[in-house]
Structures are given as C-alpha cells and as structure tokens.
Amino acid sequence: MAANEPGSTQTTPAGISRRGLLFSLGVALNVVAATLLAIPIIGYVFSSFRRNVASQSWIRLGALENFPEHQTRLATYRNPYTRPWDGKTADIPCWVRRIAGEQFQVFAINCTHLGCPVRWFQESHLFMCPCHGGAYYEDGSHASGPPPRGLYEYEYKIEQGQLWVRGGQLPTLSEPL
C-alpha cells in the first residue's frame, strides 16, 4: 500500500503517526480541562467537613452605659474578616437588649425567614420584619408570621465595663450562632 492511498497512515520522521499525535494532544487537553474543573468541585465537597471556628472573634460593642436597662438599642460592629473593598458592607448591625444589670441579649438583625433586616418597635415591644410580616417578642422568640424560629442570638461577654460580642459569622438555619 502506498503512503498516499486511502487507509494508510502518514508517519513523521520520529515514527509517530499524525493520528497518534493528535490523539495524544486531545487526551492531554482533556486531562488539563478535567483537572481545572475538578479542583473547585473537590474543594466544595470537602469544605463542609471543616468548621472554621477561627473565623469568629470577640468584638467590642461599647461601654455598658451606652445600653440602658430595659431598653433595646441598635449597635454596629466591624466584621473582623473583611477585604479592603468591602466598605460599609463590613459594618454588621445587631440589636442589643439590656435586661438588667449585666444580663444582655444580642440579636442578629436578620429575620429567620429570609434574612430581611428586622426593626425594633419600642411602643409595642416587638421586632418586626417588613418583608413578609414576621414578628418577634422582645426576648427574640417567634410571635407570628412565616419565620420558623426566634431571632438568632450572639454570644456576649462583659469585660472591664465593656460589652463584647462574638462576631465574624452570619447566622443561617443550618448554622445558628
């Protein structure tokens, strides 16, 4: 059979056919593409196995005298794990309720239904969500509407006359604070 007849394979001087070279090149490109796709998928699958507690830290909310007894006030803290381009979105609001003395409740501002920001109404002693009409009592427990549970509460501590909150993680139904 001559080299120019149909069905014959042409070989290069090194002894590799053109078909074999293109096949090897195609396999190599597919391996590279599969590797590039597999890296983020494997990272996503295994990310659920590690719990990043180090992403939380204690953040000062302010002096105790800034939070009068039997009142609920809005406070803001700076997310400790921000990027320079985060700007104002790194400021996390929370509701601080001083029950009496050094007894507090610090609530995430997010409604437990869909995460809309809740507002405090002093007259009715209720937190209300404007999105779907969810309501919470002043102790954060569910009052009415579609939310499945009460408001998320942050851990807090008091040191040297200052109120500190454990921040750095936003609450979800699967991982409450």
Protein backbone atom coordinates (compact mmCIF):
# COMPACT_ATOMS: atom_id res chain seq x y z
CA MET A 1 0.00 0.00 0.00
CA ALA A 2 1.41 3.39 -0.92
CA ALA A 3 1.61 6.25 1.55
CA ASN A 4 -0.88 8.36 -0.42
CA GLU A 5 -3.59 5.71 -0.71
CA PRO A 6 -6.73 5.90 1.47
CA GLY A 7 -6.49 3.98 4.76
CA SER A 8 -2.78 4.49 5.14
CA THR A 9 -1.25 6.49 7.98
CA GLN A 10 1.46 9.05 7.50
CA THR A 11 4.35 8.94 9.88
CA THR A 12 6.71 11.64 10.92
CA PRO A 13 10.45 11.10 10.85
CA ALA A 14 10.32 10.22 14.58
CA GLY A 15 7.94 7.34 13.83
CA ILE A 16 4.74 8.88 15.32
CA SER A 17 1.70 8.99 13.07
CA ARG A 18 -0.29 12.20 12.69
CA ARG A 19 -3.36 10.45 14.05
CA GLY A 20 -1.43 9.31 17.15
CA LEU A 21 -0.05 12.80 17.72
CA LEU A 22 -3.50 14.44 17.52
CA PHE A 23 -4.96 11.72 19.75
CA SER A 24 -2.25 12.30 22.39
CA LEU A 25 -2.77 16.06 22.19
CA GLY A 26 -6.54 15.62 22.63
CA VAL A 27 -6.07 13.35 25.67
CA ALA A 28 -3.62 15.82 27.23
CA LEU A 29 -6.04 18.76 26.76
CA ASN A 30 -8.90 16.73 28.25
CA VAL A 31 -6.79 15.84 31.29
CA VAL A 32 -5.95 19.53 31.82
CA ALA A 33 -9.63 20.55 31.47
CA ALA A 34 -10.80 17.81 33.85
CA THR A 35 -8.20 18.85 36.43
CA LEU A 36 -9.23 22.51 36.22
CA LEU A 37 -12.88 21.52 36.73
CA ALA A 38 -12.17 19.02 39.50
CA ILE A 39 -10.19 21.34 41.79
CA PRO A 40 -13.10 23.67 42.76
CA ILE A 41 -15.59 20.78 42.87
CA ILE A 42 -13.40 18.79 45.27
CA GLY A 43 -12.84 21.92 47.37
CA TYR A 44 -16.59 22.49 47.57
CA VAL A 45 -17.32 18.88 48.56
CA PHE A 46 -14.68 18.79 51.32
CA SER A 47 -15.34 22.31 52.63
CA SER A 48 -18.38 21.08 54.54
CA PHE A 49 -16.19 18.79 56.65
CA ARG A 50 -14.16 21.56 58.21
CA ARG A 51 -15.68 24.00 60.67
CA ASN A 52 -13.87 27.31 60.72
CA VAL A 53 -14.21 28.44 64.33
CA ALA A 54 -11.16 30.64 63.87
CA SER A 55 -13.28 32.94 61.70
CA GLN A 56 -15.04 34.18 64.84
CA SER A 57 -13.60 36.63 67.31
CA TRP A 58 -14.66 38.86 70.18
CA ILE A 59 -15.57 42.39 69.10
CA ARG A 60 -16.25 45.34 71.38
CA LEU A 61 -19.73 46.87 71.05
CA GLY A 62 -19.22 49.64 73.58
CA ALA A 63 -19.45 50.69 77.20
CA LEU A 64 -22.25 49.28 79.35
CA GLU A 65 -23.65 52.78 79.96
CA ASN A 66 -24.44 53.04 76.23
CA PHE A 67 -27.11 50.38 76.73
CA PRO A 68 -29.70 51.50 79.33
CA GLU A 69 -31.57 48.85 81.34
CA HIS A 70 -34.92 47.63 79.97
CA GLN A 71 -34.16 49.08 76.52
CA THR A 72 -33.19 47.71 73.13
CA ARG A 73 -30.65 49.60 71.04
CA LEU A 74 -29.12 49.15 67.60
CA ALA A 75 -25.35 48.63 67.69
CA THR A 76 -22.86 48.09 64.88
CA TYR A 77 -19.57 46.22 64.79
CA ARG A 78 -16.98 45.86 62.07
CA ASN A 79 -16.66 42.35 60.63
CA PRO A 80 -13.14 41.28 61.61
CA TYR A 81 -12.62 39.35 58.38
CA THR A 82 -13.05 41.92 55.65
CA ARG A 83 -11.36 42.88 52.45
CA PRO A 84 -10.35 46.48 51.65
CA TRP A 85 -13.12 46.74 49.05
CA ASP A 86 -15.92 45.72 51.46
CA GLY A 87 -16.56 49.32 52.51
CA LYS A 88 -19.75 49.88 54.55
CA THR A 89 -20.96 46.33 53.92
CA ALA A 90 -18.45 45.12 56.52
CA ASP A 91 -20.35 47.00 59.25
CA ILE A 92 -22.68 44.44 60.86
CA PRO A 93 -25.69 45.76 62.81
CA CYS A 94 -27.17 43.93 65.79
CA TRP A 95 -29.87 44.58 68.38
CA VAL A 96 -28.68 44.83 71.99
CA ARG A 97 -31.28 44.32 74.73
CA ARG A 98 -30.18 45.04 78.26
CA ILE A 99 -32.45 43.10 80.57
CA ALA A 100 -30.99 44.17 83.91
CA GLY A 101 -27.53 44.69 85.37
CA GLU A 102 -25.05 42.68 83.32
CA GLN A 103 -27.69 40.49 81.68
CA PHE A 104 -28.00 41.11 77.93
CA GLN A 105 -29.40 39.63 74.77
CA VAL A 106 -27.66 40.45 71.49
CA PHE A 107 -29.67 39.57 68.39
CA ALA A 108 -28.67 39.33 64.75
CA ILE A 109 -30.62 41.84 62.73
CA ASN A 110 -31.69 39.17 60.21
CA CYS A 111 -35.18 37.66 60.15
CA THR A 112 -35.03 33.88 60.35
CA HIS A 113 -37.42 33.54 57.42
CA LEU A 114 -35.50 35.05 54.51
CA GLY A 115 -32.90 37.24 56.20
CA CYS A 116 -34.55 40.66 55.84
CA PRO A 117 -33.50 43.20 58.49
CA VAL A 118 -35.92 43.37 61.42
CA ARG A 119 -36.82 46.64 63.14
CA TRP A 120 -37.47 47.24 66.82
CA PHE A 121 -40.70 49.00 67.79
CA GLN A 122 -40.44 50.32 71.35
CA GLU A 123 -44.18 51.10 71.60
CA SER A 124 -45.29 47.50 71.02
CA HIS A 125 -42.11 45.81 72.33
CA LEU A 126 -41.84 43.81 69.10
CA PHE A 127 -39.26 43.18 66.43
CA MET A 128 -40.99 43.26 63.04
CA CYS A 129 -39.85 42.15 59.61
CA PRO A 130 -41.06 44.35 56.73
CA CYS A 131 -40.71 41.65 54.06
CA HIS A 132 -43.34 39.08 55.00
CA GLY A 133 -44.80 40.32 58.28
CA GLY A 134 -42.78 38.23 60.71
CA ALA A 135 -42.91 39.38 64.31
CA TYR A 136 -40.79 38.55 67.35
CA TYR A 137 -41.27 39.32 71.04
CA GLU A 138 -38.69 41.48 72.81
CA ASP A 139 -36.89 38.36 74.06
CA GLY A 140 -36.36 37.31 70.41
CA SER A 141 -38.87 34.46 70.44
CA HIS A 142 -41.19 33.94 67.47
CA ALA A 143 -44.51 35.82 67.79
CA SER A 144 -46.23 35.44 64.41
CA GLY A 145 -45.75 35.18 60.68
CA PRO A 146 -43.68 32.85 58.50
CA PRO A 147 -40.35 32.76 60.41
CA PRO A 148 -39.58 29.19 61.52
CA ARG A 149 -37.92 30.18 64.82
CA GLY A 150 -36.88 33.08 67.03
CA LEU A 151 -34.13 35.58 66.26
CA TYR A 152 -30.52 34.41 66.23
CA GLU A 153 -28.58 35.39 69.35
CA TYR A 154 -24.90 36.23 69.52
CA GLU A 155 -22.70 35.11 72.38
CA TYR A 156 -21.62 38.04 74.54
CA LYS A 157 -19.32 38.77 77.43
CA ILE A 158 -18.58 41.71 79.69
CA GLU A 159 -15.01 42.75 80.47
CA GLN A 160 -13.90 45.92 82.25
CA GLY A 161 -17.23 47.67 81.74
CA GLN A 162 -17.37 46.88 78.01
CA LEU A 163 -19.85 44.70 76.13
CA TRP A 164 -18.21 42.27 73.71
CA VAL A 165 -19.92 40.13 71.09
CA ARG A 166 -18.63 37.06 69.29
CA GLY A 167 -18.80 38.07 65.64
CA GLY A 168 -17.48 37.07 62.27
CA GLN A 169 -20.16 34.60 61.21
CA LEU A 170 -23.58 35.33 59.77
CA PRO A 171 -26.36 33.07 61.03
CA THR A 172 -28.27 30.55 58.91
CA LEU A 173 -30.89 27.94 59.74
CA SER A 174 -28.30 25.19 59.33
CA GLU A 175 -25.70 27.01 61.45
CA PRO A 176 -27.29 29.29 64.03
CA LEU A 177 -24.97 31.41 66.14
